[in-house]
Protein backbone atom coordinates (compact mmCIF):
# COMPACT_ATOMS: atom_id res chain seq x y z
CA MET A 1 -81.79 -65.74 117.62
CA LYS A 2 -85.45 -65.90 116.95
CA PRO A 3 -86.68 -68.58 114.50
CA GLN A 4 -88.40 -65.97 112.32
CA ARG A 5 -85.11 -64.13 111.83
CA VAL A 6 -83.35 -67.36 110.89
CA VAL A 7 -85.96 -68.13 108.27
CA ILE A 8 -85.62 -64.62 106.84
CA LEU A 9 -81.82 -64.89 106.64
CA VAL A 10 -82.09 -68.29 104.91
CA LEU A 11 -84.52 -66.92 102.33
CA VAL A 12 -82.32 -63.90 101.68
CA GLY A 13 -79.31 -66.18 101.23
CA LEU A 14 -81.18 -68.38 98.80
CA ALA A 15 -82.29 -65.33 96.81
CA LEU A 16 -78.69 -64.07 96.60
CA LEU A 17 -77.49 -67.51 95.45
CA PHE A 18 -80.21 -67.61 92.78
CA LEU A 19 -79.26 -64.18 91.47
CA ALA A 20 -75.58 -65.13 91.42
CA TRP A 21 -76.40 -68.31 89.50
CA ARG A 22 -78.42 -66.37 86.92
CA LEU A 23 -75.53 -63.94 86.40
CA ILE A 24 -72.60 -66.35 86.39
CA ALA A 25 -74.00 -69.61 84.99
CA PRO A 26 -74.51 -68.37 81.35
CA GLN A 27 -70.79 -67.70 81.08
CA PHE A 28 -70.01 -71.38 81.67
CA ARG A 29 -73.00 -72.82 79.85
CA PRO A 30 -72.11 -74.27 76.40
CA ALA A 31 -73.42 -72.32 73.44
CA PRO A 32 -76.66 -73.80 72.11
CA ALA A 33 -76.50 -75.61 68.75
CA LEU A 34 -78.02 -73.90 65.71
CA SER A 35 -80.95 -75.70 64.15
CA GLY A 36 -80.99 -76.63 60.50
CA TYR A 37 -81.62 -79.38 57.98
CA ILE A 38 -80.14 -81.07 54.92
CA GLU A 39 -81.56 -79.86 51.62
CA GLY A 40 -80.95 -81.20 48.12
CA GLU A 41 -81.56 -79.23 44.92
CA THR A 42 -83.42 -81.42 42.44
CA LEU A 43 -82.27 -81.70 38.83
CA TYR A 44 -84.97 -82.69 36.32
CA LEU A 45 -83.90 -84.57 33.17
CA SER A 46 -86.11 -84.61 30.05
CA ALA A 47 -85.94 -84.96 26.26
CA PRO A 48 -86.59 -82.05 23.84
CA VAL A 49 -89.08 -84.10 21.77
CA ALA A 50 -92.01 -86.35 22.62
CA GLY A 51 -91.77 -90.11 22.32
CA THR A 52 -92.01 -93.49 23.98
CA VAL A 53 -89.56 -94.37 26.75
CA THR A 54 -87.80 -97.35 25.16
CA GLU A 55 -85.10 -97.82 27.82
CA LEU A 56 -84.96 -96.96 31.52
CA GLY A 57 -81.67 -97.57 33.29
CA VAL A 58 -82.42 -96.30 36.82
CA ARG A 59 -84.91 -96.76 39.63
CA ARG A 60 -86.04 -94.52 42.46
CA GLY A 61 -83.55 -94.30 45.33
CA GLN A 62 -80.65 -95.66 43.29
CA ARG A 63 -77.24 -94.01 43.24
CA VAL A 64 -75.71 -93.32 39.83
CA ALA A 65 -72.21 -92.30 38.77
CA ALA A 66 -71.41 -89.35 36.52
CA GLY A 67 -72.08 -90.27 32.89
CA ALA A 68 -74.41 -93.16 33.73
CA PRO A 69 -77.23 -93.63 31.14
CA LEU A 70 -80.64 -92.69 32.49
CA PHE A 71 -83.27 -93.32 29.79
CA VAL A 72 -83.79 -93.38 26.02
CA ILE A 73 -86.69 -91.80 24.10
CA GLU A 74 -87.57 -93.59 20.82
CA PRO A 75 -84.30 -93.13 18.91
CA ASP A 76 -85.28 -94.78 15.58
CA GLN A 77 -86.18 -91.56 13.77
CA ARG A 78 -83.05 -89.79 15.00
CA LEU A 79 -80.89 -92.75 14.00
CA ALA A 80 -82.29 -92.59 10.47
CA GLN A 81 -81.59 -88.84 10.31
CA ARG A 82 -78.03 -89.42 11.49
CA ASP A 83 -77.46 -92.11 8.85
CA GLN A 84 -78.84 -89.78 6.18
CA ALA A 85 -76.56 -86.95 7.33
CA GLU A 86 -73.52 -89.25 7.26
CA ALA A 87 -74.43 -90.40 3.74
CA GLN A 88 -74.71 -86.77 2.60
CA LEU A 89 -71.30 -86.05 4.11
CA THR A 90 -69.76 -88.99 2.25
CA ALA A 91 -71.24 -87.79 -1.03
CA ALA A 92 -70.05 -84.21 -0.44
CA LEU A 93 -66.51 -85.41 0.32
CA ALA A 94 -66.49 -87.42 -2.90
CA GLN A 95 -67.66 -84.42 -4.92
CA ALA A 96 -64.99 -82.21 -3.34
CA GLU A 97 -62.29 -84.75 -4.15
CA ASP A 98 -63.55 -85.05 -7.73
CA ALA A 99 -63.53 -81.25 -8.13
CA ARG A 100 -59.84 -81.11 -7.18
CA LYS A 101 -58.82 -83.75 -9.73
CA GLY A 102 -59.50 -81.51 -12.73
CA GLN A 103 -61.49 -82.30 -15.88
CA ARG A 104 -60.83 -85.72 -17.39
CA PRO A 105 -60.61 -86.05 -21.23
CA ILE A 106 -63.81 -88.05 -21.45
CA GLU A 107 -65.68 -85.40 -19.49
CA LEU A 108 -64.23 -82.65 -21.70
CA GLY A 109 -65.44 -84.56 -24.76
CA ILE A 110 -68.94 -84.75 -23.31
CA LEU A 111 -68.91 -80.98 -22.68
CA GLU A 112 -67.77 -80.28 -26.22
CA ALA A 113 -70.49 -82.56 -27.58
CA ASP A 114 -73.04 -80.66 -25.51
CA GLN A 115 -71.71 -77.42 -26.99
CA ASP A 116 -72.04 -78.73 -30.54
CA ALA A 117 -75.59 -79.84 -29.87
CA ALA A 118 -76.47 -76.47 -28.39
CA GLU A 119 -74.99 -74.64 -31.39
CA ALA A 120 -76.96 -76.87 -33.78
CA GLN A 121 -80.18 -76.14 -31.90
CA ALA A 122 -79.34 -72.43 -31.99
CA ARG A 123 -78.84 -72.50 -35.79
CA GLU A 124 -82.14 -74.33 -36.21
CA ALA A 125 -83.87 -71.81 -33.96
CA ARG A 126 -82.45 -68.87 -35.96
CA ALA A 127 -83.58 -70.44 -39.23
CA ASN A 128 -87.04 -71.03 -37.82
CA LEU A 129 -87.17 -67.42 -36.62
CA ARG A 130 -86.37 -66.11 -40.12
CA ARG A 131 -88.99 -68.41 -41.70
CA VAL A 132 -91.71 -67.46 -39.22
CA SER A 133 -90.86 -63.76 -39.54
CA ALA A 134 -91.33 -63.90 -43.30
CA LEU A 135 -94.68 -65.71 -42.98
CA VAL A 136 -95.90 -63.21 -40.38
CA GLU A 137 -95.11 -60.34 -42.75
CA LYS A 138 -97.24 -62.08 -45.38
CA GLY A 139 -100.07 -62.47 -42.88
CA ILE A 140 -99.97 -66.26 -42.85
CA TYR A 141 -98.85 -66.58 -39.17
CA SER A 142 -99.94 -64.45 -36.26
CA LYS A 143 -97.56 -62.25 -34.27
CA ALA A 144 -97.82 -64.65 -31.30
CA ARG A 145 -96.15 -67.32 -33.44
CA LEU A 146 -93.30 -64.86 -34.08
CA ASP A 147 -92.90 -64.19 -30.35
CA ASP A 148 -92.63 -67.94 -29.66
CA ALA A 149 -89.98 -68.35 -32.35
CA ARG A 150 -88.01 -65.40 -30.99
CA ASN A 151 -88.12 -66.82 -27.41
CA GLN A 152 -86.93 -70.22 -28.63
CA SER A 153 -84.04 -68.60 -30.48
CA GLN A 154 -82.99 -66.60 -27.42
CA SER A 155 -83.12 -69.68 -25.20
CA ALA A 156 -80.99 -71.62 -27.66
CA GLU A 157 -78.40 -68.83 -27.74
CA ALA A 158 -78.28 -68.82 -23.92
CA ARG A 159 -77.66 -72.60 -23.90
CA VAL A 160 -74.82 -72.11 -26.38
CA ALA A 161 -73.20 -69.45 -24.19
CA ALA A 162 -73.46 -71.67 -21.11
CA ALA A 163 -72.00 -74.66 -22.93
CA ARG A 164 -69.09 -72.56 -24.21
CA ARG A 165 -68.34 -71.33 -20.63
CA ARG A 166 -68.26 -74.91 -19.35
CA VAL A 167 -65.88 -75.97 -22.10
CA ALA A 168 -63.64 -72.95 -21.54
CA ALA A 169 -63.51 -73.60 -17.79
CA ALA A 170 -62.66 -77.25 -18.32
CA THR A 171 -60.02 -76.42 -20.95
CA LEU A 172 -58.31 -73.77 -18.83
CA GLY A 173 -58.56 -75.77 -15.62
CA ASP A 174 -60.40 -72.96 -13.87
CA ARG A 175 -62.38 -74.92 -11.27
CA ALA A 176 -61.88 -72.68 -8.25
CA ASP A 177 -65.59 -71.84 -8.02
CA GLN A 178 -66.55 -75.50 -8.21
CA ILE A 179 -64.01 -76.39 -5.52
CA ARG A 180 -65.32 -73.66 -3.22
CA ALA A 181 -68.87 -74.83 -3.79
CA ALA A 182 -67.88 -78.43 -3.10
CA ASP A 183 -66.08 -77.42 0.12
CA ALA A 184 -69.16 -75.48 1.22
CA ARG A 185 -71.30 -78.56 0.69
CA VAL A 186 -68.83 -80.59 2.78
CA SER A 187 -69.02 -78.06 5.64
CA GLN A 188 -72.80 -78.08 5.48
CA ALA A 189 -72.96 -81.87 5.50
CA ARG A 190 -70.49 -82.10 8.40
CA ALA A 191 -72.58 -79.64 10.41
CA GLY A 192 -75.61 -81.79 9.68
CA VAL A 193 -73.83 -84.83 11.13
CA VAL A 194 -72.91 -82.91 14.29
CA GLU A 195 -76.46 -81.60 14.67
CA THR A 196 -78.11 -84.99 14.29
CA GLY A 197 -75.57 -86.49 16.70
CA ALA A 198 -76.42 -83.85 19.29
CA ARG A 199 -80.14 -84.48 18.81
CA LEU A 200 -79.54 -88.20 19.26
CA ASP A 201 -77.66 -87.50 22.52
CA ASP A 202 -80.61 -85.42 23.70
CA MET A 203 -82.80 -88.50 23.34
CA ALA A 204 -80.54 -90.48 25.72
CA PRO A 205 -79.37 -88.15 28.52
CA VAL A 206 -76.79 -89.25 31.09
CA ALA A 207 -76.20 -88.22 34.70
CA PRO A 208 -74.19 -84.96 34.75
CA ALA A 209 -72.62 -85.89 38.11
CA ALA A 210 -72.73 -88.54 40.81
CA ALA A 211 -76.25 -88.35 42.20
CA ARG A 212 -79.16 -90.00 43.96
CA VAL A 213 -82.27 -90.79 41.89
CA GLU A 214 -85.06 -88.94 43.69
CA ASP A 215 -87.92 -90.05 41.44
CA VAL A 216 -88.79 -91.71 38.12
CA PHE A 217 -91.88 -90.22 36.47
CA PHE A 218 -92.25 -92.52 33.43
CA GLN A 219 -91.73 -96.25 33.03
CA ARG A 220 -90.57 -98.15 29.98
CA GLY A 221 -93.23 -98.14 27.25
CA GLU A 222 -94.94 -94.96 28.46
CA TRP A 223 -95.29 -91.85 26.30
CA ALA A 224 -93.41 -88.78 27.53
CA SER A 225 -94.20 -85.31 26.24
CA ALA A 226 -91.47 -82.97 25.02
CA ASN A 227 -89.55 -81.32 27.89
CA GLN A 228 -91.52 -83.40 30.40
CA PRO A 229 -89.19 -84.61 33.21
CA VAL A 230 -88.60 -88.35 33.09
CA VAL A 231 -86.05 -88.68 35.92
CA ALA A 232 -85.30 -86.42 38.91
CA LEU A 233 -81.79 -86.46 40.41
CA ILE A 234 -80.21 -84.92 43.50
CA PRO A 235 -76.52 -84.50 42.58
CA ASP A 236 -74.03 -84.87 45.42
CA ASP A 237 -72.67 -81.40 44.73
CA ARG A 238 -76.16 -79.92 45.15
CA VAL A 239 -76.66 -81.14 48.74
CA TYR A 240 -76.47 -78.31 51.28
CA VAL A 241 -76.77 -77.69 55.01
CA HIS A 242 -79.32 -74.98 55.72
CA PHE A 243 -79.25 -73.55 59.24
CA PHE A 244 -80.41 -70.40 60.97
CA VAL A 245 -78.27 -67.87 62.85
CA PRO A 246 -79.62 -65.28 65.32
CA GLU A 247 -79.49 -61.67 64.25
CA THR A 248 -76.95 -60.84 66.97
CA GLU A 249 -74.45 -63.44 65.68
CA VAL A 250 -74.86 -63.36 61.88
CA ALA A 251 -71.87 -61.03 61.42
CA ALA A 252 -69.56 -63.94 62.34
CA TYR A 253 -70.70 -66.04 59.38
CA LYS A 254 -69.09 -65.38 55.99
CA PRO A 255 -68.74 -67.43 52.77
CA GLY A 256 -65.65 -69.63 52.84
CA GLN A 257 -65.78 -70.34 56.57
CA LYS A 258 -66.22 -73.91 57.81
CA VAL A 259 -68.79 -75.06 60.35
CA GLY A 260 -69.17 -78.37 62.11
CA PHE A 261 -72.50 -80.14 62.34
CA SER A 262 -74.04 -83.41 63.44
CA CYS A 263 -77.16 -85.40 62.69
CA ASP A 264 -78.78 -88.66 63.80
CA GLY A 265 -77.14 -91.69 62.20
CA CYS A 266 -74.47 -89.58 60.44
CA PRO A 267 -70.69 -90.04 60.65
CA ASP A 268 -68.74 -88.07 63.23
CA ASP A 269 -66.78 -84.87 62.63
CA LEU A 270 -68.91 -83.60 59.76
CA SER A 271 -68.12 -80.18 58.36
CA ALA A 272 -69.42 -77.86 55.68
CA THR A 273 -68.19 -74.73 53.95
CA ILE A 274 -70.44 -71.69 53.99
CA VAL A 275 -71.37 -70.63 50.45
CA TYR A 276 -74.25 -68.22 51.09
CA VAL A 277 -75.58 -65.99 53.86
CA SER A 278 -79.06 -64.64 53.28
CA PRO A 279 -79.23 -60.84 53.14
CA ARG A 280 -82.83 -60.91 54.34
CA PRO A 281 -83.88 -61.90 57.85
CA GLU A 282 -86.71 -64.22 58.83
CA PHE A 283 -88.90 -64.51 61.90
CA THR A 284 -89.16 -67.92 63.50
CA PRO A 285 -91.84 -68.35 64.62
CA PRO A 286 -93.72 -65.50 62.93
CA VAL A 287 -94.16 -62.57 65.29
CA ILE A 288 -94.94 -58.88 65.10
CA TYR A 289 -91.61 -57.09 64.72
CA SER A 290 -90.59 -55.11 67.76
CA ARG A 291 -87.41 -54.25 69.60
CA GLU A 292 -88.28 -56.91 72.16
CA ALA A 293 -88.68 -59.59 69.45
CA ARG A 294 -85.21 -59.21 67.93
CA ASP A 295 -84.03 -62.43 69.60
CA ARG A 296 -86.39 -64.26 67.22
CA LEU A 297 -84.90 -62.64 64.12
CA VAL A 298 -82.68 -65.14 62.26
CA PHE A 299 -80.74 -65.34 58.96
CA MET A 300 -80.58 -68.43 56.77
CA VAL A 301 -77.04 -69.67 56.04
CA GLU A 302 -76.23 -72.23 53.34
CA ALA A 303 -73.12 -74.44 53.57
CA ARG A 304 -71.84 -77.18 51.28
CA PRO A 305 -70.82 -80.39 53.10
CA ALA A 306 -67.59 -82.19 52.28
CA ASN A 307 -69.43 -85.43 51.43
CA GLY A 308 -73.00 -84.87 50.29
CA ALA A 309 -73.42 -88.50 49.22
CA SER A 310 -73.71 -89.66 52.85
CA LEU A 311 -76.42 -87.17 53.81
CA VAL A 312 -80.15 -87.60 53.36
CA PRO A 313 -82.11 -84.48 52.31
CA GLY A 314 -84.65 -83.43 54.92
CA LEU A 315 -82.61 -84.74 57.87
CA PRO A 316 -82.42 -82.27 60.83
CA VAL A 317 -78.93 -81.17 61.85
CA ASP A 318 -77.29 -79.36 64.74
CA VAL A 319 -74.63 -76.84 63.74
CA VAL A 320 -71.85 -75.77 66.08
CA PRO A 321 -71.98 -71.94 66.37
CA LEU A 322 -69.00 -69.87 65.34
CA LYS A 323 -67.42 -67.49 67.77
CA ALA A 324 -67.76 -63.84 66.97
CA GLY A 325 -64.54 -61.93 66.44
CA PRO A 326 -63.28 -59.24 68.84
């Protein structure tokens, strides 16, 4: 056999082996990991009013438990308002209790004395009206003087009528209106206590869940504007795994499914539950859309890890792909 023919046969054999490797090898090659990263949703805590930061209980990078105090904004004014509201509630409760006891004899005597005084003033006012009326007819007093006397007499009669109603109500024990009014004042005062207590709580917010302190924007003694964030938290239940799935495989990923993932320095056997699959695709890297570029079309998938406290936001992860169904 000529050497040239041997070389040709060897090259043909190598070409056939290469083609066979390209066709068969992908079936045995492990599926590539999906790229992603850890992301934390930041929660910003602030106070509804401006004031000086009088207490600061956290520092940047610290972990806090649910309900841990974070900071306090100048509570003196709110404390005074709460004390005032509690005092008003105490007074309203006392008035309501007094209204239910009924009229005491000494109080009834005072009301009757007030009625007698009002009747005496009314008689004096009527006598003065008759005297002024006679003098006006004679031209000694002006008509304005008569109008004043008539107004005084009418006012005196009104005071008599009011005094008689108070005495009648006390005598008959009809205090239902007073009791209802007293109860209304109690309800109003109690609502004031609740409102001032809520405002005081707003001045000293606590961590809504176990979290990592991402940043502290104001230190003790600094002035913070109303609704200006003082502390930023990343709650453990707001840490997610974001990864990207090719367009040809996205149908296999649905909310509720679990995926495994790994990252540098993380514990083994990590898993996360898919909570969101983006309905809109992305290009990575950006390209002009064409039928040939569909292998670069990916969908963002969001999954919640079982233990977000051990994961650092921004850390790259490798996600084990799911197998597509039949």
